[in-house]
Amino acid sequence: MPANASGSREAHFPSIEKKYGEKMSYWFGIMKKLEGKKYPEQIAHLRENYGFSQAHANALVMYSRGSESSKRFTTVKEYYDTIDPQQAKTIKTIFKIIKSKYPELESVVAWNQPMLRIDTAYIFGATVSSKKILIAPWSTAVLEKFAPKMTDLDVKKKTIGVPNDWEIDEKLILGLVKARLAEIK
């Protein structure tokens, strides 16, 4: 996930200038030459010819196309309103379980997904695909530690895939959060 949770494409500009050694006016000139090309072609050009990361290329291309922000939702409710009702119900229940044990966690939207954080540290997040819900404790170490307890779930490098109508394993969810909180303290 990108480091810019605010959604502002311009927030990437100082790091683009620093990392790639040119002022933004130079990069806007490059984008002017790429005007009319498709998004994948513009991204590929920046990545292949200038070594741009995906996040930086996306920020520059999308800004040049008139999109100043990647932020689609300002509230968690707005996010829930856009997904399948069963998925929303499952995620709401997971978050309710976590918040009942850890009320100090703040519900926010970051990267257009519902997240729980404490101060600036993300503790737990969720998103959806058409076939499942992806949950994440924001730590590969925590995922690795709990992987043996999740053989029935789709565990990847950074996420855990659960069915849309998952019968929530409260002990597992609270264990993931407890381990993540211990990591950041």
Protein backbone atom coordinates (compact mmCIF):
# COMPACT_ATOMS: atom_id res chain seq x y z
CA MET A 1 0.00 0.00 0.00
CA PRO A 2 1.22 3.45 -0.73
CA ALA A 3 2.54 5.71 2.00
CA ASN A 4 0.14 8.53 1.12
CA ALA A 5 -3.05 7.82 3.04
CA SER A 6 -4.38 11.37 2.48
CA GLY A 7 -5.15 10.53 -1.13
CA SER A 8 -3.51 13.69 -2.43
CA ARG A 9 -1.54 13.00 -5.59
CA GLU A 10 0.52 16.15 -4.93
CA ALA A 11 1.73 14.67 -1.64
CA HIS A 12 3.98 12.44 -3.76
CA PHE A 13 5.64 15.33 -5.58
CA PRO A 14 8.43 16.12 -3.05
CA SER A 15 9.54 12.49 -3.04
CA ILE A 16 9.31 12.29 -6.85
CA GLU A 17 11.60 15.33 -7.13
CA LYS A 18 14.03 13.94 -4.56
CA LYS A 19 14.11 10.36 -5.85
CA TYR A 20 14.27 11.08 -9.59
CA GLY A 21 16.32 14.30 -9.47
CA GLU A 22 14.11 16.66 -11.47
CA LYS A 23 11.61 19.38 -10.58
CA MET A 24 7.92 18.66 -11.17
CA SER A 25 7.91 21.08 -14.11
CA TYR A 26 10.24 18.63 -15.88
CA TRP A 27 7.92 15.69 -15.15
CA PHE A 28 4.87 17.66 -16.31
CA GLY A 29 6.76 18.26 -19.57
CA ILE A 30 7.30 14.52 -19.94
CA MET A 31 3.59 13.95 -19.33
CA LYS A 32 2.72 16.58 -21.95
CA LYS A 33 4.69 14.52 -24.50
CA LEU A 34 2.74 11.41 -23.43
CA GLU A 35 -0.64 13.15 -23.73
CA GLY A 36 -3.13 11.02 -25.64
CA LYS A 37 -1.42 7.74 -24.70
CA LYS A 38 -3.34 5.19 -22.66
CA TYR A 39 -2.81 4.93 -18.91
CA PRO A 40 -0.79 1.66 -19.08
CA GLU A 41 1.50 3.15 -21.72
CA GLN A 42 2.13 6.26 -19.63
CA ILE A 43 2.86 4.19 -16.52
CA ALA A 44 5.16 1.85 -18.45
CA HIS A 45 7.04 4.80 -19.97
CA LEU A 46 7.76 6.32 -16.55
CA ARG A 47 8.73 2.98 -15.02
CA GLU A 48 10.90 1.75 -17.90
CA ASN A 49 12.60 5.01 -18.86
CA TYR A 50 12.95 6.78 -15.51
CA GLY A 51 12.75 3.97 -12.91
CA PHE A 52 9.54 5.27 -11.33
CA SER A 53 7.85 3.15 -8.71
CA GLN A 54 4.24 2.18 -9.42
CA ALA A 55 2.97 4.59 -6.74
CA HIS A 56 4.96 7.55 -8.09
CA ALA A 57 4.07 6.79 -11.71
CA ASN A 58 0.39 6.47 -10.80
CA ALA A 59 0.41 9.75 -8.85
CA LEU A 60 1.99 11.66 -11.76
CA VAL A 61 -0.13 10.07 -14.48
CA MET A 62 -3.40 10.47 -12.63
CA TYR A 63 -2.62 14.06 -11.61
CA SER A 64 -1.74 14.85 -15.23
CA ARG A 65 -5.10 13.38 -16.24
CA GLY A 66 -6.90 15.76 -13.88
CA SER A 67 -7.36 13.54 -10.82
CA GLU A 68 -5.91 15.40 -7.85
CA SER A 69 -6.98 12.85 -5.25
CA SER A 70 -7.32 9.11 -5.07
CA LYS A 71 -9.67 9.43 -2.12
CA ARG A 72 -13.16 8.07 -2.87
CA PHE A 73 -14.59 7.77 0.63
CA THR A 74 -14.47 10.15 3.56
CA THR A 75 -16.30 7.87 5.99
CA VAL A 76 -16.38 4.15 6.69
CA LYS A 77 -20.15 4.24 6.09
CA GLU A 78 -19.58 5.51 2.54
CA TYR A 79 -17.33 2.50 1.93
CA TYR A 80 -19.90 0.06 3.32
CA ASP A 81 -22.59 1.57 1.09
CA THR A 82 -20.60 0.56 -2.00
CA ILE A 83 -20.01 -3.11 -1.19
CA ASP A 84 -22.16 -6.22 -1.00
CA PRO A 85 -24.41 -6.07 2.11
CA GLN A 86 -23.18 -9.46 3.36
CA GLN A 87 -19.56 -8.30 3.09
CA ALA A 88 -20.42 -5.06 4.90
CA LYS A 89 -22.16 -7.01 7.67
CA THR A 90 -19.14 -9.31 8.14
CA ILE A 91 -16.61 -6.46 8.22
CA LYS A 92 -18.77 -4.41 10.59
CA THR A 93 -18.99 -7.39 12.95
CA ILE A 94 -15.22 -7.95 12.83
CA PHE A 95 -14.57 -4.29 13.62
CA LYS A 96 -17.19 -4.31 16.40
CA ILE A 97 -15.47 -7.30 18.02
CA ILE A 98 -12.10 -5.55 17.86
CA LYS A 99 -13.41 -2.19 19.10
CA SER A 100 -15.22 -3.80 22.03
CA LYS A 101 -11.88 -5.17 23.30
CA TYR A 102 -9.75 -2.21 22.12
CA PRO A 103 -11.95 0.92 22.26
CA GLU A 104 -8.90 3.17 21.90
CA LEU A 105 -8.60 2.17 18.23
CA GLU A 106 -9.88 4.73 15.76
CA SER A 107 -11.96 3.76 12.72
CA VAL A 108 -10.69 5.56 9.61
CA VAL A 109 -10.66 5.27 5.84
CA ALA A 110 -7.18 4.92 4.37
CA TRP A 111 -6.40 3.83 0.81
CA ASN A 112 -10.18 3.77 0.27
CA GLN A 113 -10.64 0.97 2.80
CA PRO A 114 -11.80 0.79 6.43
CA MET A 115 -8.93 0.61 8.91
CA LEU A 116 -8.35 0.66 12.62
CA ARG A 117 -5.40 2.61 13.93
CA ILE A 118 -3.88 3.97 17.06
CA ASP A 119 -2.15 7.32 16.63
CA THR A 120 -0.51 6.95 13.21
CA ALA A 121 0.02 3.17 13.36
CA TYR A 122 -2.41 0.98 11.42
CA ILE A 123 -3.51 -2.08 13.35
CA PHE A 124 -6.13 -3.81 11.23
CA GLY A 125 -7.79 -3.30 7.87
CA ALA A 126 -10.29 -4.88 5.51
CA THR A 127 -11.24 -4.73 1.87
CA VAL A 128 -13.31 -6.82 -0.50
CA SER A 129 -13.17 -8.57 -3.82
CA SER A 130 -16.16 -10.06 -5.58
CA LYS A 131 -15.68 -13.46 -3.94
CA LYS A 132 -14.17 -12.77 -0.51
CA ILE A 133 -13.14 -10.33 2.17
CA LEU A 134 -9.49 -9.60 2.76
CA ILE A 135 -8.40 -8.72 6.28
CA ALA A 136 -4.94 -7.60 7.35
CA PRO A 137 -3.17 -7.09 10.68
CA TRP A 138 -0.59 -4.81 9.02
CA SER A 139 2.31 -7.11 9.84
CA THR A 140 3.88 -9.97 7.94
CA ALA A 141 5.42 -11.19 11.21
CA VAL A 142 1.97 -11.42 12.80
CA LEU A 143 0.62 -13.22 9.74
CA GLU A 144 3.48 -15.72 9.83
CA LYS A 145 2.99 -16.32 13.56
CA PHE A 146 -0.73 -17.05 13.13
CA ALA A 147 -0.55 -18.91 9.79
CA PRO A 148 -0.66 -22.37 11.41
CA LYS A 149 -4.00 -21.42 13.01
CA MET A 150 -5.44 -20.29 9.65
CA THR A 151 -5.03 -23.36 7.44
CA ASP A 152 -8.70 -23.13 6.45
CA LEU A 153 -8.30 -19.52 5.24
CA ASP A 154 -6.54 -18.03 2.20
CA VAL A 155 -3.38 -16.62 3.80
CA LYS A 156 -1.16 -14.52 1.54
CA LYS A 157 1.94 -12.43 2.22
CA LYS A 158 -0.02 -9.45 3.62
CA THR A 159 -3.68 -10.49 3.79
CA ILE A 160 -6.05 -13.20 4.92
CA GLY A 161 -8.94 -14.08 2.62
CA VAL A 162 -12.15 -15.06 4.37
CA PRO A 163 -15.56 -15.97 2.93
CA ASN A 164 -18.13 -13.17 2.62
CA ASP A 165 -20.31 -14.93 5.20
CA TRP A 166 -17.41 -16.03 7.41
CA GLU A 167 -18.33 -17.35 10.84
CA ILE A 168 -15.93 -15.01 12.58
CA ASP A 169 -13.22 -16.56 14.74
CA GLU A 170 -13.17 -13.98 17.54
CA LYS A 171 -10.18 -15.56 19.26
CA LEU A 172 -8.17 -15.38 16.04
CA ILE A 173 -9.16 -11.78 15.26
CA LEU A 174 -8.38 -10.56 18.78
CA GLY A 175 -5.11 -12.51 18.77
CA LEU A 176 -4.03 -10.84 15.53
CA VAL A 177 -4.83 -7.39 16.93
CA LYS A 178 -3.12 -8.10 20.27
CA ALA A 179 0.03 -9.27 18.47
CA ARG A 180 0.03 -6.21 16.19
CA LEU A 181 -0.41 -3.85 19.14
CA ALA A 182 2.47 -5.57 20.97
CA GLU A 183 4.65 -4.99 17.91
CA ILE A 184 4.18 -1.24 17.84
CA LYS A 185 4.63 -0.63 21.57
